[in-house]
Amino acid sequence: MVEIRTERLLLREARQDDLDAFHDILSDVEAMTFWYRPPHEDLMVTQGWLTAMMEIDPSMGEDFAVEFEGRLIGKAGFRRFPTIGFIFHPDIWGRGLAAEATRPIIERAFSEHGLPMIEADVDPRNGSSLRLLNRLGFVETGRAIRTSLVGEEWCDSVFLRLHSSNWNGS
C-alpha cells in the first residue's frame, strides 16, 4: 500500500501496533456518536475491526491509518469502493485535519483507481461531516430513515455523491 504525505499528515497502511490507538478512538463515546457501531467495549472488538482493515483486498478498497505529529489520530478511506468513510479522535477536531486527509484519498480514488464517483452515508445529525463533504464537492442524493441500528437507537442516513467530473481538488 502506498504512503501519502500531506503538509501535516502521514496516511499509511494500518499495522497491528495501531491497536491501542485505534481502540482509544473507537471506544470514545464522542468519537463514535455518529458511527455505524456503538463504542468498542474491549480490545477484542477493536482487534476484529483492525484485522478487517488490514485485510482489505486492494481491488475492493483502500483504507488509511492517519498520523499527525507521529500519533495515530484516525482513519480515512474505503473499506469497500466507492463508499468513503473516516473517523478521527475528538481532540483533533476543528483543525482541518479531516479535510487534509480526505483530499488526497479522493484524488487517488479518481486518478489511480478510476472510480467514476464516490459515495458517503452520513448520519444527518453529524453536521461537521456533512459540511466537510459539501466543501469537498459532494452533493446530497437522498435520505432514508432507520437505516442502521446502533446499540438501541435507530439512525437515519443522508446519502451524498461526488462525481469525478465535479472533483476540483478542493
N, C-alpha and C. Protein backbone atom coordinates (compact mmCIF):
# COMPACT_ATOMS: atom_id res chain seq x y z
N MET A 1 0.85 -1.18 0.00
CA MET A 1 0.00 0.00 0.00
C MET A 1 0.89 1.24 0.00
N VAL A 2 0.45 2.23 -0.69
CA VAL A 2 1.18 3.48 -0.81
C VAL A 2 1.06 4.30 0.48
N GLU A 3 2.09 5.09 0.76
CA GLU A 3 2.00 6.09 1.82
C GLU A 3 1.78 7.44 1.17
N ILE A 4 0.98 8.27 1.82
CA ILE A 4 0.70 9.61 1.33
C ILE A 4 1.11 10.59 2.42
N ARG A 5 1.90 11.57 2.03
CA ARG A 5 2.27 12.64 2.96
C ARG A 5 1.60 13.92 2.50
N THR A 6 0.99 14.62 3.46
CA THR A 6 0.43 15.94 3.21
C THR A 6 1.27 16.93 4.01
N GLU A 7 0.83 18.16 4.06
CA GLU A 7 1.58 19.16 4.82
C GLU A 7 1.78 18.74 6.27
N ARG A 8 0.73 18.16 6.88
CA ARG A 8 0.80 17.82 8.31
C ARG A 8 0.60 16.35 8.63
N LEU A 9 0.22 15.55 7.66
CA LEU A 9 -0.22 14.18 7.94
C LEU A 9 0.58 13.13 7.19
N LEU A 10 0.58 11.94 7.77
CA LEU A 10 1.04 10.74 7.08
C LEU A 10 -0.15 9.79 7.01
N LEU A 11 -0.51 9.39 5.80
CA LEU A 11 -1.56 8.39 5.58
C LEU A 11 -0.84 7.12 5.17
N ARG A 12 -1.08 6.05 5.92
CA ARG A 12 -0.31 4.82 5.73
C ARG A 12 -1.18 3.61 5.98
N GLU A 13 -0.60 2.46 5.69
CA GLU A 13 -1.25 1.18 5.96
C GLU A 13 -1.42 1.00 7.47
N ALA A 14 -2.54 0.42 7.87
CA ALA A 14 -2.75 0.09 9.28
C ALA A 14 -1.82 -1.06 9.67
N ARG A 15 -1.39 -1.04 10.93
CA ARG A 15 -0.50 -2.07 11.45
C ARG A 15 -1.06 -2.61 12.77
N GLN A 16 -0.60 -3.79 13.13
CA GLN A 16 -1.04 -4.39 14.39
C GLN A 16 -0.72 -3.50 15.58
N ASP A 17 0.41 -2.80 15.53
CA ASP A 17 0.76 -1.96 16.68
C ASP A 17 -0.09 -0.69 16.77
N ASP A 18 -1.06 -0.53 15.88
CA ASP A 18 -2.04 0.57 15.96
C ASP A 18 -3.22 0.21 16.87
N LEU A 19 -3.26 -1.01 17.36
CA LEU A 19 -4.43 -1.49 18.10
C LEU A 19 -4.83 -0.57 19.24
N ASP A 20 -3.91 -0.23 20.12
CA ASP A 20 -4.27 0.60 21.28
C ASP A 20 -4.75 1.98 20.86
N ALA A 21 -4.10 2.58 19.88
CA ALA A 21 -4.50 3.91 19.42
C ALA A 21 -5.88 3.87 18.77
N PHE A 22 -6.13 2.85 17.94
CA PHE A 22 -7.47 2.73 17.35
C PHE A 22 -8.51 2.47 18.43
N HIS A 23 -8.17 1.66 19.41
CA HIS A 23 -9.13 1.39 20.49
C HIS A 23 -9.45 2.67 21.26
N ASP A 24 -8.45 3.51 21.46
CA ASP A 24 -8.67 4.80 22.12
C ASP A 24 -9.72 5.62 21.37
N ILE A 25 -9.68 5.58 20.05
CA ILE A 25 -10.65 6.32 19.24
C ILE A 25 -11.99 5.60 19.23
N LEU A 26 -11.98 4.31 18.94
CA LEU A 26 -13.21 3.55 18.72
C LEU A 26 -13.96 3.22 20.00
N SER A 27 -13.34 3.44 21.15
CA SER A 27 -14.05 3.27 22.43
C SER A 27 -14.51 4.61 22.99
N ASP A 28 -14.17 5.70 22.31
CA ASP A 28 -14.52 7.04 22.77
C ASP A 28 -15.98 7.35 22.38
N VAL A 29 -16.80 7.64 23.37
CA VAL A 29 -18.22 7.88 23.14
C VAL A 29 -18.44 9.04 22.18
N GLU A 30 -17.67 10.11 22.35
CA GLU A 30 -17.83 11.28 21.48
C GLU A 30 -17.44 10.95 20.04
N ALA A 31 -16.32 10.27 19.85
CA ALA A 31 -15.88 9.91 18.50
C ALA A 31 -16.89 9.02 17.81
N MET A 32 -17.54 8.14 18.56
CA MET A 32 -18.44 7.15 17.99
C MET A 32 -19.90 7.61 17.92
N THR A 33 -20.18 8.84 18.29
CA THR A 33 -21.56 9.33 18.33
C THR A 33 -22.31 9.06 17.04
N PHE A 34 -21.69 9.29 15.89
CA PHE A 34 -22.37 9.15 14.61
C PHE A 34 -21.81 8.01 13.77
N TRP A 35 -21.07 7.11 14.39
CA TRP A 35 -20.50 5.97 13.69
C TRP A 35 -21.56 4.90 13.54
N TYR A 36 -21.31 3.93 12.70
CA TYR A 36 -22.29 2.88 12.41
C TYR A 36 -22.31 1.76 13.44
N ARG A 37 -21.51 1.87 14.46
CA ARG A 37 -21.45 0.87 15.54
C ARG A 37 -21.33 1.60 16.87
N PRO A 38 -21.73 0.96 17.96
CA PRO A 38 -21.53 1.58 19.27
C PRO A 38 -20.04 1.57 19.63
N PRO A 39 -19.65 2.36 20.63
CA PRO A 39 -18.24 2.37 21.05
C PRO A 39 -17.76 0.95 21.39
N HIS A 40 -16.53 0.68 21.04
CA HIS A 40 -15.94 -0.64 21.32
C HIS A 40 -15.72 -0.77 22.82
N GLU A 41 -16.24 -1.84 23.38
CA GLU A 41 -16.14 -2.04 24.83
C GLU A 41 -14.85 -2.74 25.24
N ASP A 42 -14.23 -3.47 24.32
CA ASP A 42 -12.97 -4.13 24.68
C ASP A 42 -12.06 -4.23 23.46
N LEU A 43 -10.82 -4.57 23.73
CA LEU A 43 -9.80 -4.65 22.68
C LEU A 43 -10.12 -5.71 21.63
N MET A 44 -10.82 -6.76 22.01
CA MET A 44 -11.13 -7.82 21.05
C MET A 44 -12.02 -7.30 19.92
N VAL A 45 -12.95 -6.40 20.24
CA VAL A 45 -13.80 -5.81 19.21
C VAL A 45 -12.95 -4.97 18.26
N THR A 46 -12.07 -4.16 18.84
CA THR A 46 -11.19 -3.32 18.03
C THR A 46 -10.24 -4.19 17.22
N GLN A 47 -9.77 -5.29 17.79
CA GLN A 47 -8.88 -6.20 17.06
C GLN A 47 -9.57 -6.72 15.81
N GLY A 48 -10.82 -7.13 15.93
CA GLY A 48 -11.55 -7.60 14.76
C GLY A 48 -11.68 -6.52 13.70
N TRP A 49 -11.97 -5.30 14.14
CA TRP A 49 -12.09 -4.16 13.23
C TRP A 49 -10.76 -3.89 12.54
N LEU A 50 -9.65 -3.89 13.32
CA LEU A 50 -8.32 -3.62 12.76
C LEU A 50 -7.91 -4.73 11.80
N THR A 51 -8.16 -5.97 12.14
CA THR A 51 -7.83 -7.08 11.25
C THR A 51 -8.54 -6.92 9.92
N ALA A 52 -9.83 -6.58 9.97
CA ALA A 52 -10.58 -6.36 8.72
C ALA A 52 -9.97 -5.22 7.91
N MET A 53 -9.54 -4.17 8.58
CA MET A 53 -8.91 -3.04 7.88
C MET A 53 -7.61 -3.47 7.21
N MET A 54 -6.81 -4.26 7.92
CA MET A 54 -5.52 -4.69 7.38
C MET A 54 -5.67 -5.70 6.25
N GLU A 55 -6.81 -6.39 6.20
CA GLU A 55 -7.01 -7.44 5.20
C GLU A 55 -7.87 -7.00 4.02
N ILE A 56 -8.09 -5.71 3.85
CA ILE A 56 -8.88 -5.24 2.72
C ILE A 56 -8.20 -5.63 1.41
N ASP A 57 -8.96 -6.22 0.53
CA ASP A 57 -8.47 -6.56 -0.81
C ASP A 57 -8.26 -5.24 -1.57
N PRO A 58 -7.05 -4.95 -2.03
CA PRO A 58 -6.79 -3.67 -2.70
C PRO A 58 -7.64 -3.41 -3.93
N SER A 59 -8.20 -4.45 -4.52
CA SER A 59 -9.09 -4.24 -5.66
C SER A 59 -10.49 -3.83 -5.20
N MET A 60 -10.75 -3.98 -3.91
CA MET A 60 -12.08 -3.68 -3.37
C MET A 60 -12.13 -2.41 -2.54
N GLY A 61 -10.98 -1.99 -1.97
CA GLY A 61 -10.97 -0.81 -1.11
C GLY A 61 -9.55 -0.42 -0.74
N GLU A 62 -9.45 0.70 -0.05
CA GLU A 62 -8.15 1.21 0.38
C GLU A 62 -8.40 2.13 1.57
N ASP A 63 -7.98 1.70 2.75
CA ASP A 63 -8.25 2.43 3.99
C ASP A 63 -6.92 2.79 4.64
N PHE A 64 -6.78 4.04 5.04
CA PHE A 64 -5.52 4.55 5.57
C PHE A 64 -5.60 4.86 7.06
N ALA A 65 -4.56 4.48 7.78
CA ALA A 65 -4.35 5.00 9.13
C ALA A 65 -3.78 6.40 8.95
N VAL A 66 -4.22 7.34 9.80
CA VAL A 66 -3.81 8.74 9.66
C VAL A 66 -3.00 9.15 10.88
N GLU A 67 -1.78 9.62 10.64
CA GLU A 67 -0.90 10.09 11.72
C GLU A 67 -0.74 11.61 11.63
N PHE A 68 -0.71 12.23 12.80
CA PHE A 68 -0.43 13.66 12.94
C PHE A 68 0.62 13.80 14.03
N GLU A 69 1.74 14.42 13.69
CA GLU A 69 2.84 14.61 14.64
C GLU A 69 3.26 13.29 15.29
N GLY A 70 3.30 12.21 14.47
CA GLY A 70 3.75 10.91 14.95
C GLY A 70 2.72 10.11 15.73
N ARG A 71 1.52 10.63 15.86
CA ARG A 71 0.46 9.96 16.63
C ARG A 71 -0.68 9.55 15.71
N LEU A 72 -1.17 8.32 15.86
CA LEU A 72 -2.32 7.87 15.10
C LEU A 72 -3.55 8.62 15.60
N ILE A 73 -4.24 9.32 14.69
CA ILE A 73 -5.39 10.14 15.08
C ILE A 73 -6.70 9.67 14.45
N GLY A 74 -6.64 8.69 13.55
CA GLY A 74 -7.87 8.23 12.93
C GLY A 74 -7.61 7.40 11.69
N LYS A 75 -8.69 7.28 10.92
CA LYS A 75 -8.61 6.53 9.67
C LYS A 75 -9.49 7.22 8.64
N ALA A 76 -9.11 7.05 7.38
CA ALA A 76 -9.90 7.60 6.28
C ALA A 76 -9.67 6.74 5.05
N GLY A 77 -10.72 6.51 4.31
CA GLY A 77 -10.58 5.74 3.08
C GLY A 77 -11.82 4.96 2.75
N PHE A 78 -11.59 3.81 2.14
CA PHE A 78 -12.67 2.99 1.60
C PHE A 78 -12.52 1.56 2.11
N ARG A 79 -13.44 1.12 2.95
CA ARG A 79 -13.47 -0.31 3.29
C ARG A 79 -13.88 -1.09 2.05
N ARG A 80 -14.78 -0.46 1.29
CA ARG A 80 -15.23 -1.03 0.02
C ARG A 80 -15.56 0.13 -0.91
N PHE A 81 -14.91 0.15 -2.08
CA PHE A 81 -15.21 1.18 -3.06
C PHE A 81 -16.69 1.10 -3.43
N PRO A 82 -17.41 2.18 -3.67
CA PRO A 82 -16.97 3.57 -3.74
C PRO A 82 -17.35 4.40 -2.51
N THR A 83 -17.62 3.75 -1.36
CA THR A 83 -18.10 4.49 -0.19
C THR A 83 -16.95 4.92 0.71
N ILE A 84 -16.79 6.23 0.89
CA ILE A 84 -15.73 6.78 1.72
C ILE A 84 -16.18 6.83 3.18
N GLY A 85 -15.24 6.64 4.07
CA GLY A 85 -15.53 6.73 5.50
C GLY A 85 -14.32 7.26 6.24
N PHE A 86 -14.58 7.94 7.34
CA PHE A 86 -13.48 8.48 8.14
C PHE A 86 -13.94 8.64 9.58
N ILE A 87 -12.98 8.55 10.48
CA ILE A 87 -13.22 8.80 11.90
C ILE A 87 -11.91 9.29 12.50
N PHE A 88 -12.02 10.28 13.37
CA PHE A 88 -10.85 10.89 13.99
C PHE A 88 -11.07 11.07 15.48
N HIS A 89 -9.98 11.10 16.22
CA HIS A 89 -10.06 11.33 17.66
C HIS A 89 -10.61 12.74 17.90
N PRO A 90 -11.54 12.90 18.84
CA PRO A 90 -12.15 14.21 19.08
C PRO A 90 -11.16 15.31 19.46
N ASP A 91 -10.01 14.96 20.02
CA ASP A 91 -9.10 16.04 20.44
C ASP A 91 -8.39 16.72 19.27
N ILE A 92 -8.60 16.25 18.04
CA ILE A 92 -8.02 16.94 16.89
C ILE A 92 -9.09 17.58 16.00
N TRP A 93 -10.35 17.44 16.39
CA TRP A 93 -11.43 18.03 15.59
C TRP A 93 -11.25 19.54 15.49
N GLY A 94 -11.70 20.11 14.39
CA GLY A 94 -11.69 21.55 14.22
C GLY A 94 -10.38 22.14 13.71
N ARG A 95 -9.44 21.31 13.33
CA ARG A 95 -8.14 21.79 12.85
C ARG A 95 -7.95 21.62 11.34
N GLY A 96 -8.97 21.14 10.65
CA GLY A 96 -8.85 20.92 9.21
C GLY A 96 -8.14 19.64 8.83
N LEU A 97 -7.88 18.77 9.79
CA LEU A 97 -7.13 17.54 9.50
C LEU A 97 -7.95 16.52 8.74
N ALA A 98 -9.25 16.46 8.98
CA ALA A 98 -10.10 15.53 8.23
C ALA A 98 -10.11 15.90 6.75
N ALA A 99 -10.23 17.18 6.46
CA ALA A 99 -10.18 17.62 5.06
C ALA A 99 -8.83 17.32 4.44
N GLU A 100 -7.77 17.58 5.20
CA GLU A 100 -6.42 17.33 4.69
C GLU A 100 -6.19 15.85 4.42
N ALA A 101 -6.80 14.98 5.21
CA ALA A 101 -6.66 13.54 5.00
C ALA A 101 -7.50 13.04 3.83
N THR A 102 -8.71 13.57 3.69
CA THR A 102 -9.62 13.02 2.67
C THR A 102 -9.30 13.51 1.26
N ARG A 103 -8.77 14.70 1.11
CA ARG A 103 -8.49 15.22 -0.24
C ARG A 103 -7.59 14.27 -1.06
N PRO A 104 -6.42 13.88 -0.55
CA PRO A 104 -5.58 13.00 -1.38
C PRO A 104 -6.18 11.61 -1.57
N ILE A 105 -7.00 11.18 -0.66
CA ILE A 105 -7.66 9.88 -0.80
C ILE A 105 -8.68 9.94 -1.93
N ILE A 106 -9.43 11.03 -1.98
CA ILE A 106 -10.39 11.23 -3.07
C ILE A 106 -9.65 11.34 -4.41
N GLU A 107 -8.60 12.14 -4.43
CA GLU A 107 -7.81 12.29 -5.66
C GLU A 107 -7.30 10.94 -6.14
N ARG A 108 -6.80 10.14 -5.22
CA ARG A 108 -6.27 8.82 -5.57
C ARG A 108 -7.38 7.88 -6.06
N ALA A 109 -8.55 7.97 -5.45
CA ALA A 109 -9.67 7.13 -5.88
C ALA A 109 -10.03 7.41 -7.34
N PHE A 110 -10.00 8.68 -7.71
CA PHE A 110 -10.32 9.03 -9.10
C PHE A 110 -9.15 8.75 -10.05
N SER A 111 -7.94 9.17 -9.67
CA SER A 111 -6.82 9.09 -10.61
C SER A 111 -6.19 7.69 -10.68
N GLU A 112 -6.05 7.02 -9.55
CA GLU A 112 -5.38 5.72 -9.53
C GLU A 112 -6.33 4.54 -9.65
N HIS A 113 -7.50 4.67 -9.04
CA HIS A 113 -8.45 3.55 -9.05
C HIS A 113 -9.53 3.70 -10.11
N GLY A 114 -9.60 4.87 -10.74
CA GLY A 114 -10.55 5.07 -11.83
C GLY A 114 -12.00 5.07 -11.44
N LEU A 115 -12.29 5.41 -10.17
CA LEU A 115 -13.69 5.45 -9.76
C LEU A 115 -14.41 6.58 -10.49
N PRO A 116 -15.61 6.32 -11.00
CA PRO A 116 -16.37 7.40 -11.64
C PRO A 116 -17.03 8.32 -10.63
N MET A 117 -17.25 7.80 -9.43
CA MET A 117 -17.86 8.60 -8.37
C MET A 117 -17.56 7.97 -7.02
N ILE A 118 -17.74 8.79 -5.97
CA ILE A 118 -17.55 8.36 -4.59
C ILE A 118 -18.84 8.66 -3.84
N GLU A 119 -19.21 7.77 -2.95
CA GLU A 119 -20.43 7.95 -2.16
C GLU A 119 -20.10 8.07 -0.68
N ALA A 120 -21.03 8.65 0.05
CA ALA A 120 -20.92 8.72 1.51
C ALA A 120 -22.31 8.53 2.10
N ASP A 121 -22.36 7.94 3.27
CA ASP A 121 -23.59 7.72 4.04
C ASP A 121 -23.33 8.33 5.41
N VAL A 122 -24.04 9.42 5.73
CA VAL A 122 -23.77 10.19 6.94
C VAL A 122 -25.03 10.32 7.77
N ASP A 123 -24.89 10.17 9.07
CA ASP A 123 -25.99 10.45 10.00
C ASP A 123 -26.34 11.93 9.86
N PRO A 124 -27.61 12.28 9.64
CA PRO A 124 -27.97 13.69 9.44
C PRO A 124 -27.65 14.59 10.62
N ARG A 125 -27.43 14.02 11.79
CA ARG A 125 -27.07 14.83 12.96
C ARG A 125 -25.59 15.20 12.96
N ASN A 126 -24.82 14.61 12.05
CA ASN A 126 -23.37 14.84 12.00
C ASN A 126 -23.07 16.02 11.08
N GLY A 127 -23.36 17.21 11.57
CA GLY A 127 -23.17 18.43 10.79
C GLY A 127 -21.75 18.64 10.33
N SER A 128 -20.77 18.30 11.15
CA SER A 128 -19.37 18.51 10.77
C SER A 128 -18.98 17.69 9.55
N SER A 129 -19.36 16.42 9.52
CA SER A 129 -19.03 15.59 8.36
C SER A 129 -19.80 16.04 7.12
N LEU A 130 -21.05 16.42 7.30
CA LEU A 130 -21.82 16.91 6.16
C LEU A 130 -21.20 18.17 5.57
N ARG A 131 -20.78 19.10 6.43
CA ARG A 131 -20.13 20.33 5.95
C ARG A 131 -18.82 20.01 5.24
N LEU A 132 -18.02 19.11 5.81
CA LEU A 132 -16.77 18.73 5.17
C LEU A 132 -17.03 18.16 3.78
N LEU A 133 -17.93 17.22 3.68
CA LEU A 133 -18.21 16.59 2.39
C LEU A 133 -18.76 17.60 1.39
N ASN A 134 -19.59 18.52 1.84
CA ASN A 134 -20.09 19.57 0.94
C ASN A 134 -18.94 20.45 0.44
N ARG A 135 -18.02 20.81 1.33
CA ARG A 135 -16.86 21.62 0.91
C ARG A 135 -16.01 20.88 -0.12
N LEU A 136 -15.97 19.56 -0.02
CA LEU A 136 -15.20 18.75 -0.95
C LEU A 136 -15.93 18.53 -2.28
N GLY A 137 -17.17 18.98 -2.37
CA GLY A 137 -17.92 18.88 -3.61
C GLY A 137 -19.01 17.83 -3.65
N PHE A 138 -19.20 17.10 -2.56
CA PHE A 138 -20.26 16.10 -2.51
C PHE A 138 -21.62 16.79 -2.52
N VAL A 139 -22.59 16.17 -3.17
CA VAL A 139 -23.96 16.68 -3.18
C VAL A 139 -24.89 15.61 -2.64
N GLU A 140 -25.91 16.05 -1.96
CA GLU A 140 -26.89 15.12 -1.40
C GLU A 140 -27.70 14.48 -2.51
N THR A 141 -27.86 13.16 -2.41
CA THR A 141 -28.64 12.42 -3.41
C THR A 141 -29.89 11.79 -2.82
N GLY A 142 -30.01 11.80 -1.49
CA GLY A 142 -31.19 11.22 -0.88
C GLY A 142 -31.05 11.09 0.62
N ARG A 143 -32.16 10.72 1.23
CA ARG A 143 -32.22 10.50 2.67
C ARG A 143 -33.06 9.26 2.94
N ALA A 144 -32.77 8.62 4.05
CA ALA A 144 -33.56 7.46 4.46
C ALA A 144 -33.62 7.44 5.98
N ILE A 145 -34.70 6.90 6.49
CA ILE A 145 -34.85 6.82 7.94
C ILE A 145 -34.61 5.38 8.39
N ARG A 146 -34.13 5.28 9.64
CA ARG A 146 -33.91 3.99 10.28
C ARG A 146 -33.07 3.05 9.42
N THR A 147 -31.90 3.52 9.01
CA THR A 147 -31.03 2.72 8.14
C THR A 147 -30.08 1.81 8.91
N SER A 148 -29.78 2.17 10.16
CA SER A 148 -28.89 1.31 10.94
C SER A 148 -29.26 1.39 12.41
N LEU A 149 -29.15 0.26 13.06
CA LEU A 149 -29.42 0.17 14.49
C LEU A 149 -28.08 0.17 15.21
N VAL A 150 -27.83 1.22 15.98
CA VAL A 150 -26.59 1.35 16.73
C VAL A 150 -26.94 1.22 18.21
N GLY A 151 -26.56 0.09 18.78
CA GLY A 151 -26.98 -0.19 20.15
C GLY A 151 -28.49 -0.35 20.16
N GLU A 152 -29.16 0.54 20.88
CA GLU A 152 -30.62 0.51 20.98
C GLU A 152 -31.29 1.60 20.14
N GLU A 153 -30.49 2.35 19.40
CA GLU A 153 -31.02 3.52 18.69
C GLU A 153 -30.95 3.36 17.17
N TRP A 154 -32.08 3.64 16.53
CA TRP A 154 -32.10 3.67 15.07
C TRP A 154 -31.52 4.99 14.59
N CYS A 155 -30.71 4.93 13.54
CA CYS A 155 -30.11 6.13 12.96
C CYS A 155 -30.58 6.27 11.51
N ASP A 156 -30.67 7.51 11.08
CA ASP A 156 -31.05 7.83 9.71
C ASP A 156 -29.81 8.04 8.87
N SER A 157 -29.99 8.25 7.57
CA SER A 157 -28.87 8.45 6.66
C SER A 157 -29.13 9.60 5.70
N VAL A 158 -28.07 10.34 5.41
CA VAL A 158 -28.03 11.26 4.29
C VAL A 158 -27.03 10.64 3.32
N PHE A 159 -27.45 10.47 2.07
CA PHE A 159 -26.57 9.90 1.06
C PHE A 159 -26.02 11.03 0.19
N LEU A 160 -24.71 10.99 -0.03
CA LEU A 160 -24.05 12.02 -0.82
C LEU A 160 -23.20 11.35 -1.89
N ARG A 161 -22.91 12.12 -2.93
CA ARG A 161 -22.11 11.59 -4.04
C ARG A 161 -21.24 12.70 -4.61
N LEU A 162 -20.05 12.31 -5.03
CA LEU A 162 -19.13 13.20 -5.74
C LEU A 162 -18.71 12.49 -7.02
N HIS A 163 -19.06 13.09 -8.16
CA HIS A 163 -18.65 12.54 -9.46
C HIS A 163 -17.24 13.02 -9.80
N SER A 164 -16.47 12.18 -10.43
CA SER A 164 -15.10 12.55 -10.78
C SER A 164 -15.07 13.80 -11.64
N SER A 165 -16.07 13.99 -12.48
CA SER A 165 -16.10 15.18 -13.35
C SER A 165 -16.31 16.47 -12.56
N ASN A 166 -16.78 16.35 -11.32
CA ASN A 166 -17.01 17.53 -10.47
C ASN A 166 -15.88 17.76 -9.47
N TRP A 167 -14.89 16.88 -9.46
CA TRP A 167 -13.79 17.00 -8.50
C TRP A 167 -12.79 18.03 -8.98
N ASN A 168 -12.51 19.00 -8.13
CA ASN A 168 -11.52 20.02 -8.49
C ASN A 168 -10.36 20.06 -7.51
N GLY A 169 -10.29 19.07 -6.63
CA GLY A 169 -9.18 19.00 -5.69
C GLY A 169 -9.32 19.87 -4.47
N SER A 170 -10.42 20.58 -4.36
CA SER A 170 -10.58 21.45 -3.19
C SER A 170 -11.30 20.70 -2.11
